[in-house]
Amino acid sequence: MYDQVLNICASHASVWNGTPAFVEVHTTFSDKLAQLKAQSAVQESAVQGVTDNKRAVLQKVVSLAIVASKALSALALKNGDTELLARNIYSRSEWFRGTALLRSARLTRLLEDVNANSTVLEDYNIDSAFTAELLVQVNTYNSATQAPRLAILNRKRATAALDRLTTEIDLLLRGQLDAITEVFRASHPDFVEDFFNARIIVDVKGKRRGTNNETEEGYDY
């Protein structure tokens, strides 16, 4: 909405480019608006793709976890190890249920059991390469569980920066640019009329500020 003001100023640049006070405020206004657009882009992109990526990571680590847990269950049944069996009897749906914290704990125990029985598990095709990949995917999943929270934090920071910049731009516009533009009313009335028509658009748009109450979605995949 502030772009319209800049567009009008650009179309009448010959009127004011010899007036240092106007040039200074216009330059500051333009710079602030560029910062506002940059922060707006950060805000909009902060959480894009985070949830989809987390789902993909979860699918991959669960597929490996199921293979490892099945091998451990078979080994536990062979040896009559009820404790090992009890730790590794999760179905596929059970891996997807519960909180991210619970799932991370299960994955950590699974890795411990795989490492503790690594030699025997080679007979079940759970070799060192599989174990290394499982470790990588577990670490990737644990990192991914933090991504949504970090994304929300980044969005909050961007939103705060947007509020600050919007206030600064409004002060420049209403406090200085409006006043200096009035200097040209007698000599260049067309510029002044076009400028304040653009300003009406800004004011109408501005009335909507603060009416969009965002709610933050919790993520726990």
Protein backbone atom coordinates (compact mmCIF):
# COMPACT_ATOMS: atom_id res chain seq x y z
CA MET A 1 0.00 0.00 0.00
CA TYR A 2 2.97 2.34 0.58
CA ASP A 3 4.16 1.63 -2.96
CA GLN A 4 1.49 3.93 -4.34
CA VAL A 5 3.05 6.86 -2.50
CA LEU A 6 6.47 6.00 -3.94
CA ASN A 7 5.01 5.64 -7.41
CA ILE A 8 3.43 9.10 -7.24
CA CYS A 9 6.68 10.59 -5.95
CA ALA A 10 8.61 8.90 -8.76
CA SER A 11 6.24 10.25 -11.39
CA HIS A 12 6.77 13.80 -10.04
CA ALA A 13 10.48 13.48 -9.22
CA SER A 14 11.31 16.63 -11.17
CA VAL A 15 9.18 18.59 -8.70
CA TRP A 16 10.99 17.66 -5.52
CA ASN A 17 14.45 16.33 -6.43
CA GLY A 18 15.92 19.80 -5.91
CA THR A 19 14.51 20.04 -2.38
CA PRO A 20 17.03 18.41 0.02
CA ALA A 21 14.57 17.99 2.90
CA PHE A 22 12.11 16.10 0.70
CA VAL A 23 14.89 14.00 -0.86
CA GLU A 24 16.18 12.99 2.57
CA VAL A 25 12.77 11.91 3.90
CA HIS A 26 11.87 10.20 0.63
CA THR A 27 15.14 8.20 0.70
CA THR A 28 14.57 7.12 4.30
CA PHE A 29 10.96 6.22 3.52
CA SER A 30 12.04 4.14 0.51
CA ASP A 31 14.74 2.33 2.53
CA LYS A 32 12.32 1.52 5.33
CA LEU A 33 9.80 0.19 2.85
CA ALA A 34 12.45 -2.11 1.34
CA GLN A 35 13.20 -3.43 4.82
CA LEU A 36 9.48 -3.95 5.42
CA LYS A 37 9.17 -6.04 2.27
CA ALA A 38 12.19 -8.13 3.23
CA GLN A 39 10.79 -8.87 6.67
CA SER A 40 7.40 -9.66 5.16
CA ALA A 41 9.07 -12.28 2.96
CA VAL A 42 10.78 -13.77 6.02
CA GLN A 43 7.47 -13.91 7.87
CA GLU A 44 5.66 -15.61 5.00
CA SER A 45 8.37 -18.21 4.37
CA ALA A 46 9.20 -18.97 8.03
CA VAL A 47 7.03 -22.09 8.36
CA GLN A 48 6.60 -23.06 4.72
CA GLY A 49 7.66 -26.64 4.11
CA VAL A 50 8.60 -27.34 7.72
CA THR A 51 5.68 -29.66 8.42
CA ASP A 52 5.98 -31.52 5.13
CA ASN A 53 9.69 -32.06 5.70
CA LYS A 54 9.03 -33.34 9.20
CA ARG A 55 6.51 -35.88 7.91
CA ALA A 56 8.97 -37.10 5.27
CA VAL A 57 11.73 -37.50 7.86
CA LEU A 58 9.37 -39.36 10.18
CA GLN A 59 8.33 -41.77 7.43
CA LYS A 60 11.95 -42.59 6.66
CA VAL A 61 13.11 -43.14 10.24
CA VAL A 62 10.05 -45.26 11.07
CA SER A 63 10.65 -47.50 8.06
CA LEU A 64 14.17 -48.22 9.33
CA ALA A 65 13.01 -48.54 12.93
CA ILE A 66 10.45 -51.18 11.96
CA VAL A 67 13.09 -53.30 10.22
CA ALA A 68 15.43 -53.07 13.20
CA SER A 69 12.72 -53.76 15.77
CA LYS A 70 11.47 -56.81 13.84
CA ALA A 71 14.97 -58.24 13.75
CA LEU A 72 15.39 -57.57 17.47
CA SER A 73 12.01 -59.15 18.22
CA ALA A 74 12.99 -62.27 16.30
CA LEU A 75 16.28 -62.44 18.16
CA ALA A 76 14.52 -61.89 21.50
CA LEU A 77 12.05 -64.70 20.81
CA LYS A 78 14.88 -67.03 19.83
CA ASN A 79 16.77 -66.33 23.05
CA GLY A 80 13.73 -66.00 25.33
CA ASP A 81 14.71 -62.45 26.17
CA THR A 82 11.39 -61.00 27.30
CA GLU A 83 12.80 -57.58 28.16
CA LEU A 84 14.35 -57.15 24.73
CA LEU A 85 11.11 -58.34 23.16
CA ALA A 86 8.98 -55.93 25.19
CA ARG A 87 11.11 -53.00 24.03
CA ASN A 88 10.72 -53.89 20.36
CA ILE A 89 7.16 -55.02 19.72
CA TYR A 90 5.80 -51.74 18.39
CA SER A 91 3.58 -51.95 15.33
CA ARG A 92 3.87 -49.43 12.51
CA SER A 93 0.86 -47.48 13.79
CA GLU A 94 2.35 -47.37 17.29
CA TRP A 95 5.50 -45.75 15.91
CA PHE A 96 3.35 -42.94 14.53
CA ARG A 97 1.30 -42.46 17.68
CA GLY A 98 2.36 -40.50 20.72
CA THR A 99 4.47 -37.40 21.12
CA ALA A 100 7.72 -36.57 19.39
CA LEU A 101 9.49 -36.81 22.77
CA LEU A 102 8.18 -40.34 23.34
CA ARG A 103 9.16 -41.38 19.83
CA SER A 104 12.68 -40.02 20.28
CA ALA A 105 13.02 -42.03 23.48
CA ARG A 106 11.90 -45.18 21.69
CA LEU A 107 14.34 -44.56 18.86
CA THR A 108 17.18 -44.02 21.34
CA ARG A 109 16.42 -47.33 23.07
CA LEU A 110 16.20 -49.04 19.70
CA LEU A 111 19.65 -47.79 18.75
CA GLU A 112 21.02 -48.99 22.08
CA ASP A 113 19.59 -52.47 21.50
CA VAL A 114 20.91 -52.59 17.94
CA ASN A 115 24.40 -51.59 19.07
CA ALA A 116 24.33 -54.04 21.98
CA ASN A 117 23.45 -56.91 19.64
CA SER A 118 25.29 -55.74 16.54
CA THR A 119 27.30 -58.91 15.98
CA VAL A 120 24.33 -61.27 16.17
CA LEU A 121 22.08 -58.95 14.17
CA GLU A 122 24.32 -59.34 11.13
CA ASP A 123 22.61 -62.71 10.65
CA TYR A 124 19.36 -60.74 10.26
CA ASN A 125 20.84 -58.37 7.65
CA ILE A 126 21.24 -55.59 10.20
CA ASP A 127 24.84 -54.71 9.35
CA SER A 128 27.04 -51.73 10.17
CA ALA A 129 25.83 -49.79 7.13
CA PHE A 130 22.20 -50.21 8.20
CA THR A 131 23.04 -49.17 11.77
CA ALA A 132 24.91 -46.09 10.55
CA GLU A 133 21.95 -45.05 8.38
CA LEU A 134 19.55 -45.60 11.26
CA LEU A 135 21.69 -43.34 13.45
CA VAL A 136 21.71 -40.64 10.77
CA GLN A 137 17.93 -40.77 10.38
CA VAL A 138 17.32 -40.72 14.13
CA ASN A 139 19.50 -37.62 14.46
CA THR A 140 17.76 -36.05 11.48
CA TYR A 141 14.38 -36.73 13.04
CA ASN A 142 15.41 -35.29 16.39
CA SER A 143 16.57 -32.11 14.63
CA ALA A 144 13.37 -31.95 12.59
CA THR A 145 11.23 -32.04 15.72
CA GLN A 146 12.72 -28.70 16.72
CA ALA A 147 12.27 -27.07 13.31
CA PRO A 148 8.60 -26.00 13.69
CA ARG A 149 9.28 -24.31 17.00
CA LEU A 150 12.27 -22.48 15.55
CA ALA A 151 10.18 -21.51 12.53
CA ILE A 152 7.47 -20.07 14.77
CA LEU A 153 10.11 -18.15 16.73
CA ASN A 154 11.54 -16.74 13.49
CA ARG A 155 8.04 -15.75 12.38
CA LYS A 156 7.43 -13.98 15.69
CA ARG A 157 10.67 -12.05 15.29
CA ALA A 158 9.75 -11.09 11.73
CA THR A 159 6.29 -10.00 12.87
CA ALA A 160 7.80 -7.82 15.59
CA ALA A 161 10.15 -6.27 13.02
CA LEU A 162 7.20 -5.63 10.70
CA ASP A 163 5.29 -3.84 13.45
CA ARG A 164 8.31 -1.69 14.26
CA LEU A 165 8.99 -0.81 10.62
CA THR A 166 5.33 -0.06 9.94
CA THR A 167 5.30 2.37 12.87
CA GLU A 168 8.49 4.04 11.64
CA ILE A 169 7.15 4.33 8.09
CA ASP A 170 3.86 5.79 9.30
CA LEU A 171 5.73 8.37 11.36
CA LEU A 172 7.84 9.36 8.36
CA LEU A 173 4.78 9.57 6.16
CA ARG A 174 2.44 11.42 8.48
CA GLY A 175 5.02 13.36 10.43
CA GLN A 176 7.36 14.55 7.67
CA LEU A 177 6.50 13.60 4.09
CA ASP A 178 2.95 14.92 4.34
CA ALA A 179 4.15 18.24 5.72
CA ILE A 180 6.97 18.76 3.23
CA THR A 181 4.66 17.90 0.31
CA GLU A 182 2.45 20.82 1.30
CA VAL A 183 5.33 23.14 0.34
CA PHE A 184 4.56 22.39 -3.31
CA ARG A 185 0.82 23.07 -3.15
CA ALA A 186 1.05 26.50 -4.77
CA SER A 187 3.69 25.67 -7.36
CA HIS A 188 2.74 22.08 -8.25
CA PRO A 189 -0.87 21.39 -7.20
CA ASP A 190 -1.13 18.28 -9.42
CA PHE A 191 1.68 16.59 -7.51
CA VAL A 192 0.15 17.47 -4.16
CA GLU A 193 -3.29 16.23 -5.21
CA ASP A 194 -1.91 12.95 -6.56
CA PHE A 195 0.21 12.49 -3.44
CA PHE A 196 -2.66 12.92 -1.00
CA ASN A 197 -4.96 10.74 -3.08
CA ALA A 198 -2.34 8.03 -2.65
CA ARG A 199 -2.21 8.84 1.04
CA ILE A 200 -5.97 8.20 1.32
CA ILE A 201 -5.33 4.67 0.06
CA VAL A 202 -2.67 4.17 2.72
CA ASP A 203 -4.95 5.40 5.50
CA VAL A 204 -7.83 3.16 4.41
CA LYS A 205 -5.53 0.16 4.29
CA GLY A 206 -4.00 1.11 7.61
CA LYS A 207 -7.35 0.87 9.39
CA ARG A 208 -7.15 -2.89 8.96
CA ARG A 209 -3.92 -3.21 10.91
CA GLY A 210 -4.13 -5.42 13.94
CA THR A 211 -7.38 -7.15 12.98
CA ASN A 212 -5.81 -10.38 11.81
CA ASN A 213 -5.22 -12.43 14.93
CA GLU A 214 -2.94 -15.30 14.02
CA THR A 215 -3.09 -18.55 15.89
CA GLU A 216 -0.07 -20.75 16.11
CA GLU A 217 -0.53 -24.38 15.34
CA GLY A 218 1.25 -26.92 17.47
CA TYR A 219 3.42 -29.42 15.65
CA ASP A 220 4.08 -32.88 17.03
CA TYR A 221 4.77 -35.38 14.30
